[in-house]
Amino acid sequence: MIAVVAGVREAAVVAKKHPMLDEVPVVFIIRTPRRARTPDLHDNVMAACRNALADFKVPREIRFVDEMPRSTLRKVARPELRKMLG
């Protein structure tokens, strides 16, 4: 199921290493231009995730980016997103 949240143009999820839980989800979001400065976007995304996903799938972190790294086939390059986690 895909939940639509106003202000989100595109989103991608990757796993981040966690000392106790092994891995946790982190979502990268590209905002729509008109919602670029909406302060409640983070809360709206988290609420939508909590309503639609099991607890272990709810992102532990949200990162807003201007663009997603892409592969040669124009798919989101998830390995590059993982590198951005540090």
C-alpha atoms as a PDB file:
ATOM      1  CA  MET A   1       0.000   0.000   0.000  1.00  0.00           C
ATOM      2  CA  ILE A   2       1.304   3.432  -0.922  1.00  0.00           C
ATOM      3  CA  ALA A   3       0.321   6.288   1.357  1.00  0.00           C
ATOM      4  CA  VAL A   4       0.208   9.713  -0.248  1.00  0.00           C
ATOM      5  CA  VAL A   5       1.432  12.590   1.903  1.00  0.00           C
ATOM      6  CA  ALA A   6       0.982  16.149   0.667  1.00  0.00           C
ATOM      7  CA  GLY A   7       4.351  17.764   0.170  1.00  0.00           C
ATOM      8  CA  VAL A   8       6.267  14.595  -0.760  1.00  0.00           C
ATOM      9  CA  ARG A   9       7.327  14.298  -4.394  1.00  0.00           C
ATOM     10  CA  GLU A  10       9.450  11.165  -4.049  1.00  0.00           C
ATOM     11  CA  ALA A  11      10.676   8.898  -1.254  1.00  0.00           C
ATOM     12  CA  ALA A  12      13.151   6.035  -0.931  1.00  0.00           C
ATOM     13  CA  VAL A  13      13.928   3.843   2.075  1.00  0.00           C
ATOM     14  CA  VAL A  14      17.248   2.235   2.989  1.00  0.00           C
ATOM     15  CA  ALA A  15      18.486   0.303   6.005  1.00  0.00           C
ATOM     16  CA  LYS A  16      20.862   1.873   8.513  1.00  0.00           C
ATOM     17  CA  LYS A  17      22.974  -0.164  10.909  1.00  0.00           C
ATOM     18  CA  HIS A  18      21.768  -0.013  14.511  1.00  0.00           C
ATOM     19  CA  PRO A  19      23.709  -1.294  17.529  1.00  0.00           C
ATOM     20  CA  MET A  20      20.748  -3.042  19.178  1.00  0.00           C
ATOM     21  CA  LEU A  21      18.245  -3.656  16.384  1.00  0.00           C
ATOM     22  CA  ASP A  22      20.693  -4.706  13.647  1.00  0.00           C
ATOM     23  CA  GLU A  23      19.107  -2.406  11.039  1.00  0.00           C
ATOM     24  CA  VAL A  24      16.461   0.324  11.041  1.00  0.00           C
ATOM     25  CA  PRO A  25      14.704   2.045   8.132  1.00  0.00           C
ATOM     26  CA  VAL A  26      15.654   5.571   7.069  1.00  0.00           C
ATOM     27  CA  VAL A  27      13.582   7.431   4.487  1.00  0.00           C
ATOM     28  CA  PHE A  28      14.963  10.001   2.055  1.00  0.00           C
ATOM     29  CA  ILE A  29      12.359  12.463   0.794  1.00  0.00           C
ATOM     30  CA  ILE A  30      12.261  15.008  -2.008  1.00  0.00           C
ATOM     31  CA  ARG A  31       9.754  17.738  -1.175  1.00  0.00           C
ATOM     32  CA  THR A  32       7.343  19.206  -3.692  1.00  0.00           C
ATOM     33  CA  PRO A  33       8.321  22.801  -4.502  1.00  0.00           C
ATOM     34  CA  ARG A  34       5.308  24.441  -2.858  1.00  0.00           C
ATOM     35  CA  ARG A  35       5.863  22.552   0.413  1.00  0.00           C
ATOM     36  CA  ALA A  36       9.601  23.060   0.555  1.00  0.00           C
ATOM     37  CA  ARG A  37       9.442  24.972   3.842  1.00  0.00           C
ATOM     38  CA  THR A  38       6.496  23.274   5.557  1.00  0.00           C
ATOM     39  CA  PRO A  39       7.581  22.575   9.149  1.00  0.00           C
ATOM     40  CA  ASP A  40       4.961  19.863   9.776  1.00  0.00           C
ATOM     41  CA  LEU A  41       5.959  17.689   6.798  1.00  0.00           C
ATOM     42  CA  HIS A  42       8.167  15.520   9.026  1.00  0.00           C
ATOM     43  CA  ASP A  43       5.264  14.919  11.439  1.00  0.00           C
ATOM     44  CA  ASN A  44       2.811  14.208   8.594  1.00  0.00           C
ATOM     45  CA  VAL A  45       5.142  11.606   7.074  1.00  0.00           C
ATOM     46  CA  MET A  46       5.713   9.913  10.442  1.00  0.00           C
ATOM     47  CA  ALA A  47       1.965   9.832  11.166  1.00  0.00           C
ATOM     48  CA  ALA A  48       1.234   8.278   7.757  1.00  0.00           C
ATOM     49  CA  CYS A  49       3.949   5.659   8.322  1.00  0.00           C
ATOM     50  CA  ARG A  50       2.665   4.797  11.813  1.00  0.00           C
ATOM     51  CA  ASN A  51      -0.867   4.388  10.436  1.00  0.00           C
ATOM     52  CA  ALA A  52       0.117   2.219   7.468  1.00  0.00           C
ATOM     53  CA  LEU A  53       3.156   0.202   8.610  1.00  0.00           C
ATOM     54  CA  ALA A  54       4.123  -2.288  11.271  1.00  0.00           C
ATOM     55  CA  ASP A  55       6.212  -0.753  14.083  1.00  0.00           C
ATOM     56  CA  PHE A  56       9.490  -2.270  12.885  1.00  0.00           C
ATOM     57  CA  LYS A  57       8.970  -0.755   9.414  1.00  0.00           C
ATOM     58  CA  VAL A  58       8.358   2.813  10.610  1.00  0.00           C
ATOM     59  CA  PRO A  59      11.400   4.942   9.726  1.00  0.00           C
ATOM     60  CA  ARG A  60      13.623   5.957  12.618  1.00  0.00           C
ATOM     61  CA  GLU A  61      14.920   8.924  10.668  1.00  0.00           C
ATOM     62  CA  ILE A  62      13.770  11.157   7.812  1.00  0.00           C
ATOM     63  CA  ARG A  63      16.263  12.987   5.614  1.00  0.00           C
ATOM     64  CA  PHE A  64      15.176  15.641   3.165  1.00  0.00           C
ATOM     65  CA  VAL A  65      17.221  15.841  -0.036  1.00  0.00           C
ATOM     66  CA  ASP A  66      17.062  17.963  -3.174  1.00  0.00           C
ATOM     67  CA  GLU A  67      17.534  14.990  -5.506  1.00  0.00           C
ATOM     68  CA  MET A  68      18.030  11.243  -5.378  1.00  0.00           C
ATOM     69  CA  PRO A  69      21.175   9.612  -6.731  1.00  0.00           C
ATOM     70  CA  ARG A  70      20.286   7.621  -9.845  1.00  0.00           C
ATOM     71  CA  SER A  71      21.703   4.568 -11.578  1.00  0.00           C
ATOM     72  CA  THR A  72      22.289   4.453 -15.310  1.00  0.00           C
ATOM     73  CA  LEU A  73      18.745   3.091 -15.702  1.00  0.00           C
ATOM     74  CA  ARG A  74      17.386   6.132 -13.780  1.00  0.00           C
ATOM     75  CA  LYS A  75      16.408   4.043 -10.752  1.00  0.00           C
ATOM     76  CA  VAL A  76      17.219   5.311  -7.261  1.00  0.00           C
ATOM     77  CA  ALA A  77      20.779   4.262  -6.390  1.00  0.00           C
ATOM     78  CA  ARG A  78      20.203   2.877  -2.896  1.00  0.00           C
ATOM     79  CA  PRO A  79      23.908   2.122  -2.301  1.00  0.00           C
ATOM     80  CA  GLU A  80      24.592   5.844  -2.742  1.00  0.00           C
ATOM     81  CA  LEU A  81      21.858   6.676  -0.243  1.00  0.00           C
ATOM     82  CA  ARG A  82      23.448   4.291   2.262  1.00  0.00           C
ATOM     83  CA  LYS A  83      26.760   6.127   1.799  1.00  0.00           C
ATOM     84  CA  MET A  84      24.978   9.373   2.651  1.00  0.00           C
ATOM     85  CA  LEU A  85      24.059   7.889   6.045  1.00  0.00           C
ATOM     86  CA  GLY A  86      27.707   8.043   7.053  1.00  0.00           C
END
